[in-house]
Amino acid sequence: MLRYPIAPAELERTKNQMMADQAEYIANRYAASSYKKIGNYLAIVAPYSSTITKRNIDAGSFVGNPNENPLFELEDKGSLL
């Protein structure tokens, strides 16, 4: 069995590259996680089955001013008790 010794400088360079790649991977995982959380925050979900009957906004509109109309109007198609 032939053994090829690895130069200490090459071993150190490879180890440093592995650590840099690992740090970049972890950073990208955290970034992806934060993007998912932001996406969930931006989603508007009704607590019941309903239909949007009137939209008062367009895609890209700024929302959050309490003096404006509501974003949309919902109609509940379920049975009333």
PDB file of N, CA and C in Angstrom:
ATOM      1  N   MET A   1       0.848  -1.174   0.000  1.00  0.00           N
ATOM      2  CA  MET A   1       0.000   0.000   0.000  1.00  0.00           C
ATOM      3  C   MET A   1       0.892   1.235   0.000  1.00  0.00           C
ATOM      4  N   LEU A   2       0.659   2.093  -0.970  1.00  0.00           N
ATOM      5  CA  LEU A   2       1.434   3.317  -1.083  1.00  0.00           C
ATOM      6  C   LEU A   2       0.793   4.420  -0.252  1.00  0.00           C
ATOM      7  N   ARG A   3       1.618   5.148   0.429  1.00  0.00           N
ATOM      8  CA  ARG A   3       1.128   6.279   1.210  1.00  0.00           C
ATOM      9  C   ARG A   3       1.712   7.546   0.611  1.00  0.00           C
ATOM     10  N   TYR A   4       0.839   8.515   0.394  1.00  0.00           N
ATOM     11  CA  TYR A   4       1.281   9.797  -0.133  1.00  0.00           C
ATOM     12  C   TYR A   4       1.121  10.829   0.981  1.00  0.00           C
ATOM     13  N   PRO A   5       2.189  11.324   1.495  1.00  0.00           N
ATOM     14  CA  PRO A   5       2.070  12.309   2.567  1.00  0.00           C
ATOM     15  C   PRO A   5       1.473  13.613   2.032  1.00  0.00           C
ATOM     16  N   ILE A   6       0.669  14.240   2.855  1.00  0.00           N
ATOM     17  CA  ILE A   6       0.054  15.511   2.495  1.00  0.00           C
ATOM     18  C   ILE A   6       0.851  16.622   3.158  1.00  0.00           C
ATOM     19  N   ALA A   7       1.162  17.616   2.393  1.00  0.00           N
ATOM     20  CA  ALA A   7       1.921  18.745   2.926  1.00  0.00           C
ATOM     21  C   ALA A   7       1.084  19.460   3.985  1.00  0.00           C
ATOM     22  N   PRO A   8       1.671  19.860   5.099  1.00  0.00           N
ATOM     23  CA  PRO A   8       0.915  20.532   6.149  1.00  0.00           C
ATOM     24  C   PRO A   8       0.186  21.791   5.649  1.00  0.00           C
ATOM     25  N   ALA A   9       0.798  22.526   4.752  1.00  0.00           N
ATOM     26  CA  ALA A   9       0.154  23.733   4.220  1.00  0.00           C
ATOM     27  C   ALA A   9      -1.099  23.377   3.415  1.00  0.00           C
ATOM     28  N   GLU A  10      -1.025  22.301   2.645  1.00  0.00           N
ATOM     29  CA  GLU A  10      -2.186  21.860   1.853  1.00  0.00           C
ATOM     30  C   GLU A  10      -3.297  21.371   2.768  1.00  0.00           C
ATOM     31  N   LEU A  11      -2.942  20.646   3.806  1.00  0.00           N
ATOM     32  CA  LEU A  11      -3.929  20.162   4.774  1.00  0.00           C
ATOM     33  C   LEU A  11      -4.612  21.344   5.464  1.00  0.00           C
ATOM     34  N   GLU A  12      -3.851  22.333   5.855  1.00  0.00           N
ATOM     35  CA  GLU A  12      -4.408  23.523   6.510  1.00  0.00           C
ATOM     36  C   GLU A  12      -5.315  24.300   5.560  1.00  0.00           C
ATOM     37  N   ARG A  13      -4.903  24.445   4.288  1.00  0.00           N
ATOM     38  CA  ARG A  13      -5.724  25.144   3.301  1.00  0.00           C
ATOM     39  C   ARG A  13      -7.053  24.428   3.091  1.00  0.00           C
ATOM     40  N   THR A  14      -7.012  23.109   2.991  1.00  0.00           N
ATOM     41  CA  THR A  14      -8.227  22.325   2.789  1.00  0.00           C
ATOM     42  C   THR A  14      -9.151  22.423   4.001  1.00  0.00           C
ATOM     43  N   LYS A  15      -8.573  22.372   5.192  1.00  0.00           N
ATOM     44  CA  LYS A  15      -9.364  22.490   6.417  1.00  0.00           C
ATOM     45  C   LYS A  15     -10.034  23.862   6.485  1.00  0.00           C
ATOM     46  N   ASN A  16      -9.296  24.931   6.170  1.00  0.00           N
ATOM     47  CA  ASN A  16      -9.865  26.280   6.185  1.00  0.00           C
ATOM     48  C   ASN A  16     -10.975  26.436   5.153  1.00  0.00           C
ATOM     49  N   GLN A  17     -10.810  25.831   3.979  1.00  0.00           N
ATOM     50  CA  GLN A  17     -11.847  25.892   2.941  1.00  0.00           C
ATOM     51  C   GLN A  17     -13.105  25.161   3.407  1.00  0.00           C
ATOM     52  N   MET A  18     -12.924  24.018   4.072  1.00  0.00           N
ATOM     53  CA  MET A  18     -14.066  23.266   4.586  1.00  0.00           C
ATOM     54  C   MET A  18     -14.815  24.095   5.632  1.00  0.00           C
ATOM     55  N   MET A  19     -14.087  24.761   6.524  1.00  0.00           N
ATOM     56  CA  MET A  19     -14.725  25.573   7.558  1.00  0.00           C
ATOM     57  C   MET A  19     -15.452  26.772   6.948  1.00  0.00           C
ATOM     58  N   ALA A  20     -14.878  27.373   5.916  1.00  0.00           N
ATOM     59  CA  ALA A  20     -15.528  28.498   5.234  1.00  0.00           C
ATOM     60  C   ALA A  20     -16.803  28.039   4.532  1.00  0.00           C
ATOM     61  N   ASP A  21     -16.735  26.891   3.878  1.00  0.00           N
ATOM     62  CA  ASP A  21     -17.924  26.349   3.203  1.00  0.00           C
ATOM     63  C   ASP A  21     -19.015  26.014   4.211  1.00  0.00           C
ATOM     64  N   GLN A  22     -18.625  25.472   5.345  1.00  0.00           N
ATOM     65  CA  GLN A  22     -19.594  25.119   6.388  1.00  0.00           C
ATOM     66  C   GLN A  22     -20.266  26.384   6.930  1.00  0.00           C
ATOM     67  N   ALA A  23     -19.492  27.435   7.174  1.00  0.00           N
ATOM     68  CA  ALA A  23     -20.058  28.688   7.673  1.00  0.00           C
ATOM     69  C   ALA A  23     -21.017  29.296   6.651  1.00  0.00           C
ATOM     70  N   GLU A  24     -20.665  29.230   5.370  1.00  0.00           N
ATOM     71  CA  GLU A  24     -21.550  29.755   4.328  1.00  0.00           C
ATOM     72  C   GLU A  24     -22.841  28.950   4.251  1.00  0.00           C
ATOM     73  N   TYR A  25     -22.741  27.641   4.393  1.00  0.00           N
ATOM     74  CA  TYR A  25     -23.924  26.773   4.380  1.00  0.00           C
ATOM     75  C   TYR A  25     -24.861  27.127   5.533  1.00  0.00           C
ATOM     76  N   ILE A  26     -24.305  27.291   6.734  1.00  0.00           N
ATOM     77  CA  ILE A  26     -25.124  27.620   7.897  1.00  0.00           C
ATOM     78  C   ILE A  26     -25.781  28.984   7.720  1.00  0.00           C
ATOM     79  N   ALA A  27     -25.031  29.952   7.207  1.00  0.00           N
ATOM     80  CA  ALA A  27     -25.594  31.287   6.965  1.00  0.00           C
ATOM     81  C   ALA A  27     -26.740  31.225   5.959  1.00  0.00           C
ATOM     82  N   ASN A  28     -26.593  30.421   4.919  1.00  0.00           N
ATOM     83  CA  ASN A  28     -27.657  30.289   3.919  1.00  0.00           C
ATOM     84  C   ASN A  28     -28.883  29.595   4.499  1.00  0.00           C
ATOM     85  N   ARG A  29     -28.684  28.650   5.392  1.00  0.00           N
ATOM     86  CA  ARG A  29     -29.827  27.988   6.047  1.00  0.00           C
ATOM     87  C   ARG A  29     -30.603  28.987   6.886  1.00  0.00           C
ATOM     88  N   TYR A  30     -29.892  29.829   7.654  1.00  0.00           N
ATOM     89  CA  TYR A  30     -30.567  30.843   8.454  1.00  0.00           C
ATOM     90  C   TYR A  30     -31.282  31.860   7.571  1.00  0.00           C
ATOM     91  N   ALA A  31     -30.673  32.242   6.468  1.00  0.00           N
ATOM     92  CA  ALA A  31     -31.314  33.189   5.549  1.00  0.00           C
ATOM     93  C   ALA A  31     -32.593  32.590   4.968  1.00  0.00           C
ATOM     94  N   ALA A  32     -32.538  31.327   4.566  1.00  0.00           N
ATOM     95  CA  ALA A  32     -33.728  30.674   4.013  1.00  0.00           C
ATOM     96  C   ALA A  32     -34.827  30.594   5.068  1.00  0.00           C
ATOM     97  N   SER A  33     -34.453  30.301   6.290  1.00  0.00           N
ATOM     98  CA  SER A  33     -35.428  30.233   7.376  1.00  0.00           C
ATOM     99  C   SER A  33     -36.085  31.588   7.608  1.00  0.00           C
ATOM    100  N   SER A  34     -35.305  32.651   7.573  1.00  0.00           N
ATOM    101  CA  SER A  34     -35.881  33.977   7.792  1.00  0.00           C
ATOM    102  C   SER A  34     -36.792  34.378   6.633  1.00  0.00           C
ATOM    103  N   TYR A  35     -36.439  33.992   5.404  1.00  0.00           N
ATOM    104  CA  TYR A  35     -37.309  34.295   4.260  1.00  0.00           C
ATOM    105  C   TYR A  35     -38.645  33.574   4.396  1.00  0.00           C
ATOM    106  N   LYS A  36     -38.623  32.345   4.892  1.00  0.00           N
ATOM    107  CA  LYS A  36     -39.878  31.612   5.096  1.00  0.00           C
ATOM    108  C   LYS A  36     -40.730  32.291   6.158  1.00  0.00           C
ATOM    109  N   LYS A  37     -40.096  32.752   7.240  1.00  0.00           N
ATOM    110  CA  LYS A  37     -40.850  33.426   8.296  1.00  0.00           C
ATOM    111  C   LYS A  37     -41.455  34.723   7.786  1.00  0.00           C
ATOM    112  N   ILE A  38     -40.718  35.469   6.976  1.00  0.00           N
ATOM    113  CA  ILE A  38     -41.246  36.710   6.419  1.00  0.00           C
ATOM    114  C   ILE A  38     -42.407  36.401   5.484  1.00  0.00           C
ATOM    115  N   GLY A  39     -42.275  35.350   4.679  1.00  0.00           N
ATOM    116  CA  GLY A  39     -43.356  34.959   3.783  1.00  0.00           C
ATOM    117  C   GLY A  39     -44.606  34.579   4.548  1.00  0.00           C
ATOM    118  N   ASN A  40     -44.452  33.874   5.667  1.00  0.00           N
ATOM    119  CA  ASN A  40     -45.607  33.515   6.487  1.00  0.00           C
ATOM    120  C   ASN A  40     -46.227  34.754   7.126  1.00  0.00           C
ATOM    121  N   TYR A  41     -45.411  35.727   7.478  1.00  0.00           N
ATOM    122  CA  TYR A  41     -45.911  36.951   8.082  1.00  0.00           C
ATOM    123  C   TYR A  41     -46.737  37.750   7.078  1.00  0.00           C
ATOM    124  N   LEU A  42     -46.351  37.709   5.820  1.00  0.00           N
ATOM    125  CA  LEU A  42     -47.041  38.495   4.802  1.00  0.00           C
ATOM    126  C   LEU A  42     -48.322  37.837   4.303  1.00  0.00           C
ATOM    127  N   ALA A  43     -48.541  36.578   4.634  1.00  0.00           N
ATOM    128  CA  ALA A  43     -49.744  35.879   4.187  1.00  0.00           C
ATOM    129  C   ALA A  43     -50.933  36.267   5.059  1.00  0.00           C
ATOM    130  N   ILE A  44     -52.052  36.512   4.430  1.00  0.00           N
ATOM    131  CA  ILE A  44     -53.286  36.816   5.147  1.00  0.00           C
ATOM    132  C   ILE A  44     -54.186  35.593   5.030  1.00  0.00           C
ATOM    133  N   VAL A  45     -54.537  35.005   6.167  1.00  0.00           N
ATOM    134  CA  VAL A  45     -55.328  33.777   6.181  1.00  0.00           C
ATOM    135  C   VAL A  45     -56.583  34.019   7.009  1.00  0.00           C
ATOM    136  N   ALA A  46     -57.738  33.713   6.443  1.00  0.00           N
ATOM    137  CA  ALA A  46     -58.990  33.863   7.174  1.00  0.00           C
ATOM    138  C   ALA A  46     -59.164  32.695   8.138  1.00  0.00           C
ATOM    139  N   PRO A  47     -59.743  32.934   9.298  1.00  0.00           N
ATOM    140  CA  PRO A  47     -59.929  31.862  10.270  1.00  0.00           C
ATOM    141  C   PRO A  47     -61.110  30.944   9.941  1.00  0.00           C
ATOM    142  N   TYR A  48     -61.735  31.147   8.803  1.00  0.00           N
ATOM    143  CA  TYR A  48     -62.865  30.330   8.391  1.00  0.00           C
ATOM    144  C   TYR A  48     -62.908  30.278   6.870  1.00  0.00           C
ATOM    145  N   SER A  49     -63.712  29.381   6.342  1.00  0.00           N
ATOM    146  CA  SER A  49     -63.859  29.248   4.902  1.00  0.00           C
ATOM    147  C   SER A  49     -64.713  30.406   4.396  1.00  0.00           C
ATOM    148  N   SER A  50     -64.177  31.181   3.470  1.00  0.00           N
ATOM    149  CA  SER A  50     -64.905  32.346   2.986  1.00  0.00           C
ATOM    150  C   SER A  50     -64.510  32.658   1.554  1.00  0.00           C
ATOM    151  N   THR A  51     -65.194  33.648   0.969  1.00  0.00           N
ATOM    152  CA  THR A  51     -64.920  34.105  -0.381  1.00  0.00           C
ATOM    153  C   THR A  51     -64.696  35.608  -0.352  1.00  0.00           C
ATOM    154  N   ILE A  52     -63.682  36.073  -1.066  1.00  0.00           N
ATOM    155  CA  ILE A  52     -63.445  37.506  -1.166  1.00  0.00           C
ATOM    156  C   ILE A  52     -64.466  38.080  -2.137  1.00  0.00           C
ATOM    157  N   THR A  53     -65.241  39.057  -1.671  1.00  0.00           N
ATOM    158  CA  THR A  53     -66.285  39.640  -2.513  1.00  0.00           C
ATOM    159  C   THR A  53     -65.894  41.002  -3.061  1.00  0.00           C
ATOM    160  N   LYS A  54     -64.949  41.692  -2.404  1.00  0.00           N
ATOM    161  CA  LYS A  54     -64.529  43.013  -2.870  1.00  0.00           C
ATOM    162  C   LYS A  54     -63.076  43.236  -2.465  1.00  0.00           C
ATOM    163  N   ARG A  55     -62.231  43.640  -3.434  1.00  0.00           N
ATOM    164  CA  ARG A  55     -60.827  43.959  -3.174  1.00  0.00           C
ATOM    165  C   ARG A  55     -60.645  45.465  -3.259  1.00  0.00           C
ATOM    166  N   ASN A  56     -59.995  46.006  -2.238  1.00  0.00           N
ATOM    167  CA  ASN A  56     -59.756  47.444  -2.212  1.00  0.00           C
ATOM    168  C   ASN A  56     -58.286  47.794  -2.412  1.00  0.00           C
ATOM    169  N   ILE A  57     -57.476  46.834  -2.803  1.00  0.00           N
ATOM    170  CA  ILE A  57     -56.046  47.072  -2.991  1.00  0.00           C
ATOM    171  C   ILE A  57     -55.589  46.427  -4.284  1.00  0.00           C
ATOM    172  N   ASP A  58     -54.427  46.842  -4.744  1.00  0.00           N
ATOM    173  CA  ASP A  58     -53.769  46.235  -5.893  1.00  0.00           C
ATOM    174  C   ASP A  58     -52.459  45.634  -5.421  1.00  0.00           C
ATOM    175  N   ALA A  59     -51.899  44.733  -6.199  1.00  0.00           N
ATOM    176  CA  ALA A  59     -50.608  44.140  -5.853  1.00  0.00           C
ATOM    177  C   ALA A  59     -49.561  45.238  -5.757  1.00  0.00           C
ATOM    178  N   GLY A  60     -48.806  45.236  -4.671  1.00  0.00           N
ATOM    179  CA  GLY A  60     -47.764  46.220  -4.477  1.00  0.00           C
ATOM    180  C   GLY A  60     -48.223  47.479  -3.752  1.00  0.00           C
ATOM    181  N   SER A  61     -49.507  47.557  -3.402  1.00  0.00           N
ATOM    182  CA  SER A  61     -50.013  48.732  -2.695  1.00  0.00           C
ATOM    183  C   SER A  61     -49.485  48.760  -1.265  1.00  0.00           C
ATOM    184  N   PHE A  62     -49.262  49.966  -0.743  1.00  0.00           N
ATOM    185  CA  PHE A  62     -48.868  50.125   0.648  1.00  0.00           C
ATOM    186  C   PHE A  62     -50.110  49.965   1.510  1.00  0.00           C
ATOM    187  N   VAL A  63     -50.011  49.145   2.540  1.00  0.00           N
ATOM    188  CA  VAL A  63     -51.143  48.936   3.445  1.00  0.00           C
ATOM    189  C   VAL A  63     -50.715  49.310   4.854  1.00  0.00           C
ATOM    190  N   GLY A  64     -51.668  49.557   5.692  1.00  0.00           N
ATOM    191  CA  GLY A  64     -51.366  49.835   7.078  1.00  0.00           C
ATOM    192  C   GLY A  64     -51.886  51.173   7.563  1.00  0.00           C
ATOM    193  N   ASN A  65     -52.435  52.006   6.675  1.00  0.00           N
ATOM    194  CA  ASN A  65     -52.994  53.277   7.097  1.00  0.00           C
ATOM    195  C   ASN A  65     -54.409  53.021   7.630  1.00  0.00           C
ATOM    196  N   PRO A  66     -54.673  53.310   8.896  1.00  0.00           N
ATOM    197  CA  PRO A  66     -55.994  53.000   9.464  1.00  0.00           C
ATOM    198  C   PRO A  66     -57.119  53.858   8.894  1.00  0.00           C
ATOM    199  N   ASN A  67     -56.806  54.946   8.194  1.00  0.00           N
ATOM    200  CA  ASN A  67     -57.847  55.819   7.639  1.00  0.00           C
ATOM    201  C   ASN A  67     -58.356  55.337   6.288  1.00  0.00           C
ATOM    202  N   GLU A  68     -57.729  54.314   5.711  1.00  0.00           N
ATOM    203  CA  GLU A  68     -58.146  53.810   4.407  1.00  0.00           C
ATOM    204  C   GLU A  68     -59.192  52.707   4.548  1.00  0.00           C
ATOM    205  N   ASN A  69     -59.746  52.316   3.414  1.00  0.00           N
ATOM    206  CA  ASN A  69     -60.707  51.212   3.385  1.00  0.00           C
ATOM    207  C   ASN A  69     -60.025  49.916   3.803  1.00  0.00           C
ATOM    208  N   PRO A  70     -60.805  48.914   4.218  1.00  0.00           N
ATOM    209  CA  PRO A  70     -60.200  47.618   4.524  1.00  0.00           C
ATOM    210  C   PRO A  70     -59.587  47.007   3.265  1.00  0.00           C
ATOM    211  N   LEU A  71     -58.660  46.081   3.445  1.00  0.00           N
ATOM    212  CA  LEU A  71     -57.998  45.454   2.299  1.00  0.00           C
ATOM    213  C   LEU A  71     -58.996  44.776   1.374  1.00  0.00           C
ATOM    214  N   PHE A  72     -59.948  44.070   1.967  1.00  0.00           N
ATOM    215  CA  PHE A  72     -60.942  43.354   1.185  1.00  0.00           C
ATOM    216  C   PHE A  72     -62.126  43.039   2.074  1.00  0.00           C
ATOM    217  N   GLU A  73     -63.216  42.596   1.440  1.00  0.00           N
ATOM    218  CA  GLU A  73     -64.406  42.179   2.179  1.00  0.00           C
ATOM    219  C   GLU A  73     -64.611  40.693   1.935  1.00  0.00           C
ATOM    220  N   LEU A  74     -64.951  39.979   3.000  1.00  0.00           N
ATOM    221  CA  LEU A  74     -65.160  38.545   2.926  1.00  0.00           C
ATOM    222  C   LEU A  74     -66.624  38.206   3.135  1.00  0.00           C
ATOM    223  N   GLU A  75     -67.057  37.134   2.505  1.00  0.00           N
ATOM    224  CA  GLU A  75     -68.408  36.623   2.718  1.00  0.00           C
ATOM    225  C   GLU A  75     -68.268  35.175   3.170  1.00  0.00           C
ATOM    226  N   ASP A  76     -68.852  34.881   4.305  1.00  0.00           N
ATOM    227  CA  ASP A  76     -68.814  33.535   4.856  1.00  0.00           C
ATOM    228  C   ASP A  76     -69.948  32.726   4.247  1.00  0.00           C
ATOM    229  N   LYS A  77     -69.597  31.631   3.563  1.00  0.00           N
ATOM    230  CA  LYS A  77     -70.611  30.803   2.897  1.00  0.00           C
ATOM    231  C   LYS A  77     -71.123  29.698   3.817  1.00  0.00           C
ATOM    232  N   GLY A  78     -70.638  29.638   5.053  1.00  0.00           N
ATOM    233  CA  GLY A  78     -71.054  28.600   5.983  1.00  0.00           C
ATOM    234  C   GLY A  78     -72.436  28.880   6.543  1.00  0.00           C
ATOM    235  N   SER A  79     -72.947  27.909   7.246  1.00  0.00           N
ATOM    236  CA  SER A  79     -74.279  28.064   7.828  1.00  0.00           C
ATOM    237  C   SER A  79     -74.202  28.868   9.109  1.00  0.00           C
ATOM    238  N   LEU A  80     -75.182  29.700   9.331  1.00  0.00           N
ATOM    239  CA  LEU A  80     -75.248  30.500  10.547  1.00  0.00           C
ATOM    240  C   LEU A  80     -76.046  29.747  11.589  1.00  0.00           C
ATOM    241  N   LEU A  81     -75.571  29.742  12.794  1.00  0.00           N
ATOM    242  CA  LEU A  81     -76.272  29.034  13.876  1.00  0.00           C
ATOM    243  C   LEU A  81     -77.013  29.994  14.748  1.00  0.00           C
TER     244      LEU A  81
END
